[in-house]
Amino acid sequence: MSLLSDFKKGNKTALKQIYLQYHQNVYALALSFTKDAQRAEDFVHDVFVKFWEQRENLSYEHNIESQLIRTAKFYIINQLKRDKLEVATNAETSEEILEETEAKIDQNQLYFLNKAIKKLPHQCREIFIMHKLEGLTQKEVANYLKISVKTVENQVAKAISELKKHLLEHPDNNPVPFK
């Protein structure tokens, strides 16, 4: 059996092996974001817990390391964003109340945007999410999925076109501008 297969089945020995093999890579990534050794270690622990919780959703099409690093990157970025948001909301000013109102509008837009994204074909959706939402370059997406950059370009264009069409057909969704 493969390490990924064992891990997906909940084998804790596989988790330990993955941890020992990739701990330093995740730590280096976390440290590059935080510049704080203790915080980076905390993130490493949290990332491995998150990776364990999501193990059943892992793909056999991609190697463990790339899926772990992707999980780590998103987890760390999201946590840092939450931290910034917490700092910003600690002070009560009229400007922050306005920002909260805008955030609620943005959440409504995000809800409808996510709904539209879910309707995209699988590969198109995956490429769009990786490029536009996760911030990977088209070349990085192409390398990760083992497809051409041109395919990535075409799928992103198709996704944007489909999303515009869907959101414009439903004007009550407060369409989000695309670039």
C-alpha atoms as a PDB file:
ATOM      1  CA  MET A   1       0.000   0.000   0.000  1.00  0.00           C
ATOM      2  CA  SER A   2       1.088   3.550  -0.625  1.00  0.00           C
ATOM      3  CA  LEU A   3       1.728   6.090   2.084  1.00  0.00           C
ATOM      4  CA  LEU A   4      -1.093   8.270   0.735  1.00  0.00           C
ATOM      5  CA  SER A   5      -3.521   5.353   0.729  1.00  0.00           C
ATOM      6  CA  ASP A   6      -2.622   4.423   4.307  1.00  0.00           C
ATOM      7  CA  PHE A   7      -2.907   8.062   5.386  1.00  0.00           C
ATOM      8  CA  LYS A   8      -6.326   8.468   3.763  1.00  0.00           C
ATOM      9  CA  LYS A   9      -7.514   5.365   5.653  1.00  0.00           C
ATOM     10  CA  GLY A  10      -6.544   6.962   8.975  1.00  0.00           C
ATOM     11  CA  ASN A  11      -3.287   5.126   9.624  1.00  0.00           C
ATOM     12  CA  LYS A  12      -1.487   7.151  12.299  1.00  0.00           C
ATOM     13  CA  THR A  13       1.859   5.552  11.423  1.00  0.00           C
ATOM     14  CA  ALA A  14       1.462   7.071   7.962  1.00  0.00           C
ATOM     15  CA  LEU A  15       0.728  10.450   9.595  1.00  0.00           C
ATOM     16  CA  LYS A  16       3.898  10.152  11.651  1.00  0.00           C
ATOM     17  CA  GLN A  17       5.938   9.271   8.581  1.00  0.00           C
ATOM     18  CA  ILE A  18       4.494  12.229   6.646  1.00  0.00           C
ATOM     19  CA  TYR A  19       5.186  14.509   9.602  1.00  0.00           C
ATOM     20  CA  LEU A  20       8.790  13.364   9.896  1.00  0.00           C
ATOM     21  CA  GLN A  21       9.352  13.645   6.167  1.00  0.00           C
ATOM     22  CA  TYR A  22       7.733  17.060   5.575  1.00  0.00           C
ATOM     23  CA  HIS A  23       7.823  18.875   8.925  1.00  0.00           C
ATOM     24  CA  GLN A  24      10.813  21.008   7.916  1.00  0.00           C
ATOM     25  CA  ASN A  25       9.218  22.032   4.599  1.00  0.00           C
ATOM     26  CA  VAL A  26       6.046  23.188   6.329  1.00  0.00           C
ATOM     27  CA  TYR A  27       8.086  24.930   9.027  1.00  0.00           C
ATOM     28  CA  ALA A  28      10.161  26.788   6.411  1.00  0.00           C
ATOM     29  CA  LEU A  29       6.990  27.901   4.652  1.00  0.00           C
ATOM     30  CA  ALA A  30       5.392  29.075   7.897  1.00  0.00           C
ATOM     31  CA  LEU A  31       8.559  30.878   8.936  1.00  0.00           C
ATOM     32  CA  SER A  32       8.728  32.673   5.589  1.00  0.00           C
ATOM     33  CA  PHE A  33       5.239  34.059   6.253  1.00  0.00           C
ATOM     34  CA  THR A  34       5.540  34.824   9.964  1.00  0.00           C
ATOM     35  CA  LYS A  35       9.239  35.583  10.567  1.00  0.00           C
ATOM     36  CA  ASP A  36       8.568  34.182  14.053  1.00  0.00           C
ATOM     37  CA  ALA A  37       9.926  30.744  15.002  1.00  0.00           C
ATOM     38  CA  GLN A  38       7.334  30.028  17.723  1.00  0.00           C
ATOM     39  CA  ARG A  39       4.439  31.117  15.561  1.00  0.00           C
ATOM     40  CA  ALA A  40       5.807  29.013  12.694  1.00  0.00           C
ATOM     41  CA  GLU A  41       5.932  25.944  14.966  1.00  0.00           C
ATOM     42  CA  ASP A  42       2.348  26.587  16.059  1.00  0.00           C
ATOM     43  CA  PHE A  43       1.306  26.773  12.419  1.00  0.00           C
ATOM     44  CA  VAL A  44       3.110  23.507  11.649  1.00  0.00           C
ATOM     45  CA  HIS A  45       1.117  21.732  14.327  1.00  0.00           C
ATOM     46  CA  ASP A  46      -2.156  23.278  13.143  1.00  0.00           C
ATOM     47  CA  VAL A  47      -1.417  22.463   9.490  1.00  0.00           C
ATOM     48  CA  PHE A  48      -0.809  18.790  10.243  1.00  0.00           C
ATOM     49  CA  VAL A  49      -4.029  18.634  12.274  1.00  0.00           C
ATOM     50  CA  LYS A  50      -5.901  20.253   9.356  1.00  0.00           C
ATOM     51  CA  PHE A  51      -4.228  17.901   6.870  1.00  0.00           C
ATOM     52  CA  TRP A  52      -5.260  14.911   9.007  1.00  0.00           C
ATOM     53  CA  GLU A  53      -8.846  16.168   9.220  1.00  0.00           C
ATOM     54  CA  GLN A  54      -8.975  16.580   5.429  1.00  0.00           C
ATOM     55  CA  ARG A  55      -7.201  13.319   4.593  1.00  0.00           C
ATOM     56  CA  GLU A  56     -10.241  11.689   3.001  1.00  0.00           C
ATOM     57  CA  ASN A  57     -10.448  14.523   0.451  1.00  0.00           C
ATOM     58  CA  LEU A  58      -6.862  14.117  -0.758  1.00  0.00           C
ATOM     59  CA  SER A  59      -6.310  13.220  -4.374  1.00  0.00           C
ATOM     60  CA  TYR A  60      -4.327  10.281  -5.673  1.00  0.00           C
ATOM     61  CA  GLU A  61      -3.501  12.437  -8.710  1.00  0.00           C
ATOM     62  CA  HIS A  62      -1.127  14.684  -6.743  1.00  0.00           C
ATOM     63  CA  ASN A  63       1.701  13.781  -4.418  1.00  0.00           C
ATOM     64  CA  ILE A  64       1.455  14.164  -0.653  1.00  0.00           C
ATOM     65  CA  GLU A  65       3.988  16.968  -0.444  1.00  0.00           C
ATOM     66  CA  SER A  66       2.244  19.231  -2.950  1.00  0.00           C
ATOM     67  CA  GLN A  67      -1.122  18.691  -1.245  1.00  0.00           C
ATOM     68  CA  LEU A  68       0.393  19.294   2.200  1.00  0.00           C
ATOM     69  CA  ILE A  69       2.179  22.471   1.104  1.00  0.00           C
ATOM     70  CA  ARG A  70      -1.005  23.717  -0.552  1.00  0.00           C
ATOM     71  CA  THR A  71      -2.957  23.060   2.660  1.00  0.00           C
ATOM     72  CA  ALA A  72      -0.241  24.791   4.684  1.00  0.00           C
ATOM     73  CA  LYS A  73      -0.150  27.834   2.418  1.00  0.00           C
ATOM     74  CA  PHE A  74      -3.915  28.375   2.593  1.00  0.00           C
ATOM     75  CA  TYR A  75      -4.123  27.723   6.303  1.00  0.00           C
ATOM     76  CA  ILE A  76      -1.305  30.136   7.130  1.00  0.00           C
ATOM     77  CA  ILE A  77      -2.609  32.877   4.827  1.00  0.00           C
ATOM     78  CA  ASN A  78      -6.127  32.540   6.218  1.00  0.00           C
ATOM     79  CA  GLN A  79      -4.883  32.664   9.805  1.00  0.00           C
ATOM     80  CA  LEU A  80      -2.784  35.751   9.117  1.00  0.00           C
ATOM     81  CA  LYS A  81      -5.788  37.425   7.481  1.00  0.00           C
ATOM     82  CA  ARG A  82      -7.936  36.561  10.503  1.00  0.00           C
ATOM     83  CA  ASP A  83      -5.290  38.000  12.812  1.00  0.00           C
ATOM     84  CA  LYS A  84      -5.245  41.256  10.859  1.00  0.00           C
ATOM     85  CA  LEU A  85      -9.036  41.362  10.928  1.00  0.00           C
ATOM     86  CA  GLU A  86      -9.059  40.848  14.711  1.00  0.00           C
ATOM     87  CA  VAL A  87      -6.616  43.712  15.197  1.00  0.00           C
ATOM     88  CA  ALA A  88      -8.678  45.943  12.926  1.00  0.00           C
ATOM     89  CA  THR A  89     -11.961  45.190  14.688  1.00  0.00           C
ATOM     90  CA  ASN A  90     -10.614  45.780  18.193  1.00  0.00           C
ATOM     91  CA  ALA A  91     -10.945  49.557  17.825  1.00  0.00           C
ATOM     92  CA  GLU A  92     -14.493  50.846  17.450  1.00  0.00           C
ATOM     93  CA  THR A  93     -14.552  53.705  14.965  1.00  0.00           C
ATOM     94  CA  SER A  94     -17.161  54.810  12.485  1.00  0.00           C
ATOM     95  CA  GLU A  95     -14.794  53.844   9.678  1.00  0.00           C
ATOM     96  CA  GLU A  96     -14.664  50.271  10.973  1.00  0.00           C
ATOM     97  CA  ILE A  97     -18.455  50.127  11.203  1.00  0.00           C
ATOM     98  CA  LEU A  98     -18.577  51.182   7.548  1.00  0.00           C
ATOM     99  CA  GLU A  99     -16.011  48.504   6.687  1.00  0.00           C
ATOM    100  CA  GLU A 100     -18.111  45.883   8.477  1.00  0.00           C
ATOM    101  CA  THR A 101     -21.138  46.913   6.436  1.00  0.00           C
ATOM    102  CA  GLU A 102     -19.080  46.625   3.254  1.00  0.00           C
ATOM    103  CA  ALA A 103     -17.829  43.233   4.426  1.00  0.00           C
ATOM    104  CA  LYS A 104     -21.435  42.027   4.793  1.00  0.00           C
ATOM    105  CA  ILE A 105     -22.140  43.145   1.257  1.00  0.00           C
ATOM    106  CA  ASP A 106     -18.953  41.413   0.146  1.00  0.00           C
ATOM    107  CA  GLN A 107     -20.059  38.245   1.955  1.00  0.00           C
ATOM    108  CA  ASN A 108     -23.345  38.340   0.053  1.00  0.00           C
ATOM    109  CA  GLN A 109     -21.448  38.763  -3.202  1.00  0.00           C
ATOM    110  CA  LEU A 110     -19.077  35.962  -2.213  1.00  0.00           C
ATOM    111  CA  TYR A 111     -22.009  33.680  -1.470  1.00  0.00           C
ATOM    112  CA  PHE A 112     -23.413  34.122  -4.972  1.00  0.00           C
ATOM    113  CA  LEU A 113     -19.965  33.990  -6.531  1.00  0.00           C
ATOM    114  CA  ASN A 114     -19.205  30.699  -4.733  1.00  0.00           C
ATOM    115  CA  LYS A 115     -22.561  29.358  -5.868  1.00  0.00           C
ATOM    116  CA  ALA A 116     -21.676  30.235  -9.466  1.00  0.00           C
ATOM    117  CA  ILE A 117     -18.164  28.766  -9.128  1.00  0.00           C
ATOM    118  CA  LYS A 118     -19.636  25.455  -7.961  1.00  0.00           C
ATOM    119  CA  LYS A 119     -21.569  25.243 -11.228  1.00  0.00           C
ATOM    120  CA  LEU A 120     -18.378  25.348 -13.331  1.00  0.00           C
ATOM    121  CA  PRO A 121     -17.087  22.079 -14.837  1.00  0.00           C
ATOM    122  CA  HIS A 122     -14.634  20.308 -12.498  1.00  0.00           C
ATOM    123  CA  GLN A 123     -11.330  21.114 -14.262  1.00  0.00           C
ATOM    124  CA  CYS A 124     -12.408  24.644 -15.087  1.00  0.00           C
ATOM    125  CA  ARG A 125     -13.422  25.225 -11.444  1.00  0.00           C
ATOM    126  CA  GLU A 126     -10.191  23.742 -10.084  1.00  0.00           C
ATOM    127  CA  ILE A 127      -8.023  25.891 -12.371  1.00  0.00           C
ATOM    128  CA  PHE A 128     -10.033  29.046 -11.626  1.00  0.00           C
ATOM    129  CA  ILE A 129      -9.798  28.509  -7.870  1.00  0.00           C
ATOM    130  CA  MET A 130      -6.074  27.788  -7.948  1.00  0.00           C
ATOM    131  CA  HIS A 131      -5.290  30.805 -10.149  1.00  0.00           C
ATOM    132  CA  LYS A 132      -7.767  33.476  -9.080  1.00  0.00           C
ATOM    133  CA  LEU A 133      -8.561  32.561  -5.479  1.00  0.00           C
ATOM    134  CA  GLU A 134      -5.422  30.821  -4.283  1.00  0.00           C
ATOM    135  CA  GLY A 135      -3.124  33.206  -6.144  1.00  0.00           C
ATOM    136  CA  LEU A 136      -1.024  30.695  -8.045  1.00  0.00           C
ATOM    137  CA  THR A 137       0.425  31.863 -11.354  1.00  0.00           C
ATOM    138  CA  GLN A 138      -0.820  30.236 -14.528  1.00  0.00           C
ATOM    139  CA  LYS A 139       2.532  28.494 -14.864  1.00  0.00           C
ATOM    140  CA  GLU A 140       2.315  27.147 -11.294  1.00  0.00           C
ATOM    141  CA  VAL A 141      -1.198  25.846 -11.956  1.00  0.00           C
ATOM    142  CA  ALA A 142      -0.034  24.231 -15.196  1.00  0.00           C
ATOM    143  CA  ASN A 143       2.910  22.551 -13.457  1.00  0.00           C
ATOM    144  CA  TYR A 144       0.770  21.382 -10.550  1.00  0.00           C
ATOM    145  CA  LEU A 145      -1.918  19.890 -12.786  1.00  0.00           C
ATOM    146  CA  LYS A 146       0.565  18.730 -15.441  1.00  0.00           C
ATOM    147  CA  ILE A 147      -1.208  20.624 -18.226  1.00  0.00           C
ATOM    148  CA  SER A 148      -0.132  23.377 -20.597  1.00  0.00           C
ATOM    149  CA  VAL A 149      -0.154  27.053 -19.649  1.00  0.00           C
ATOM    150  CA  LYS A 150      -2.409  27.647 -22.671  1.00  0.00           C
ATOM    151  CA  THR A 151      -4.981  25.215 -21.225  1.00  0.00           C
ATOM    152  CA  VAL A 152      -4.860  27.147 -17.955  1.00  0.00           C
ATOM    153  CA  GLU A 153      -5.359  30.438 -19.822  1.00  0.00           C
ATOM    154  CA  ASN A 154      -8.308  29.033 -21.766  1.00  0.00           C
ATOM    155  CA  GLN A 155      -9.948  27.509 -18.684  1.00  0.00           C
ATOM    156  CA  VAL A 156      -9.563  30.738 -16.666  1.00  0.00           C
ATOM    157  CA  ALA A 157     -11.092  32.738 -19.538  1.00  0.00           C
ATOM    158  CA  LYS A 158     -13.923  30.217 -19.814  1.00  0.00           C
ATOM    159  CA  ALA A 159     -14.548  30.362 -16.056  1.00  0.00           C
ATOM    160  CA  ILE A 160     -14.659  34.163 -16.021  1.00  0.00           C
ATOM    161  CA  SER A 161     -17.012  34.184 -18.994  1.00  0.00           C
ATOM    162  CA  GLU A 162     -19.330  31.634 -17.370  1.00  0.00           C
ATOM    163  CA  LEU A 163     -19.283  33.430 -14.023  1.00  0.00           C
ATOM    164  CA  LYS A 164     -20.062  36.793 -15.617  1.00  0.00           C
ATOM    165  CA  LYS A 165     -22.900  35.219 -17.562  1.00  0.00           C
ATOM    166  CA  HIS A 166     -24.327  33.529 -14.479  1.00  0.00           C
ATOM    167  CA  LEU A 167     -24.087  36.595 -12.258  1.00  0.00           C
ATOM    168  CA  LEU A 168     -25.480  38.944 -14.891  1.00  0.00           C
ATOM    169  CA  GLU A 169     -28.439  36.598 -15.435  1.00  0.00           C
ATOM    170  CA  HIS A 170     -29.178  36.989 -11.732  1.00  0.00           C
ATOM    171  CA  PRO A 171     -28.833  40.748 -11.050  1.00  0.00           C
ATOM    172  CA  ASP A 172     -30.254  40.325  -7.555  1.00  0.00           C
ATOM    173  CA  ASN A 173     -26.964  38.584  -6.720  1.00  0.00           C
ATOM    174  CA  ASN A 174     -25.096  41.917  -6.777  1.00  0.00           C
ATOM    175  CA  PRO A 175     -22.598  40.950  -9.501  1.00  0.00           C
ATOM    176  CA  VAL A 176     -18.928  41.140  -8.658  1.00  0.00           C
ATOM    177  CA  PRO A 177     -16.638  42.785 -11.244  1.00  0.00           C
ATOM    178  CA  PHE A 178     -14.125  40.439 -12.870  1.00  0.00           C
ATOM    179  CA  LYS A 179     -10.692  41.197 -14.259  1.00  0.00           C
END
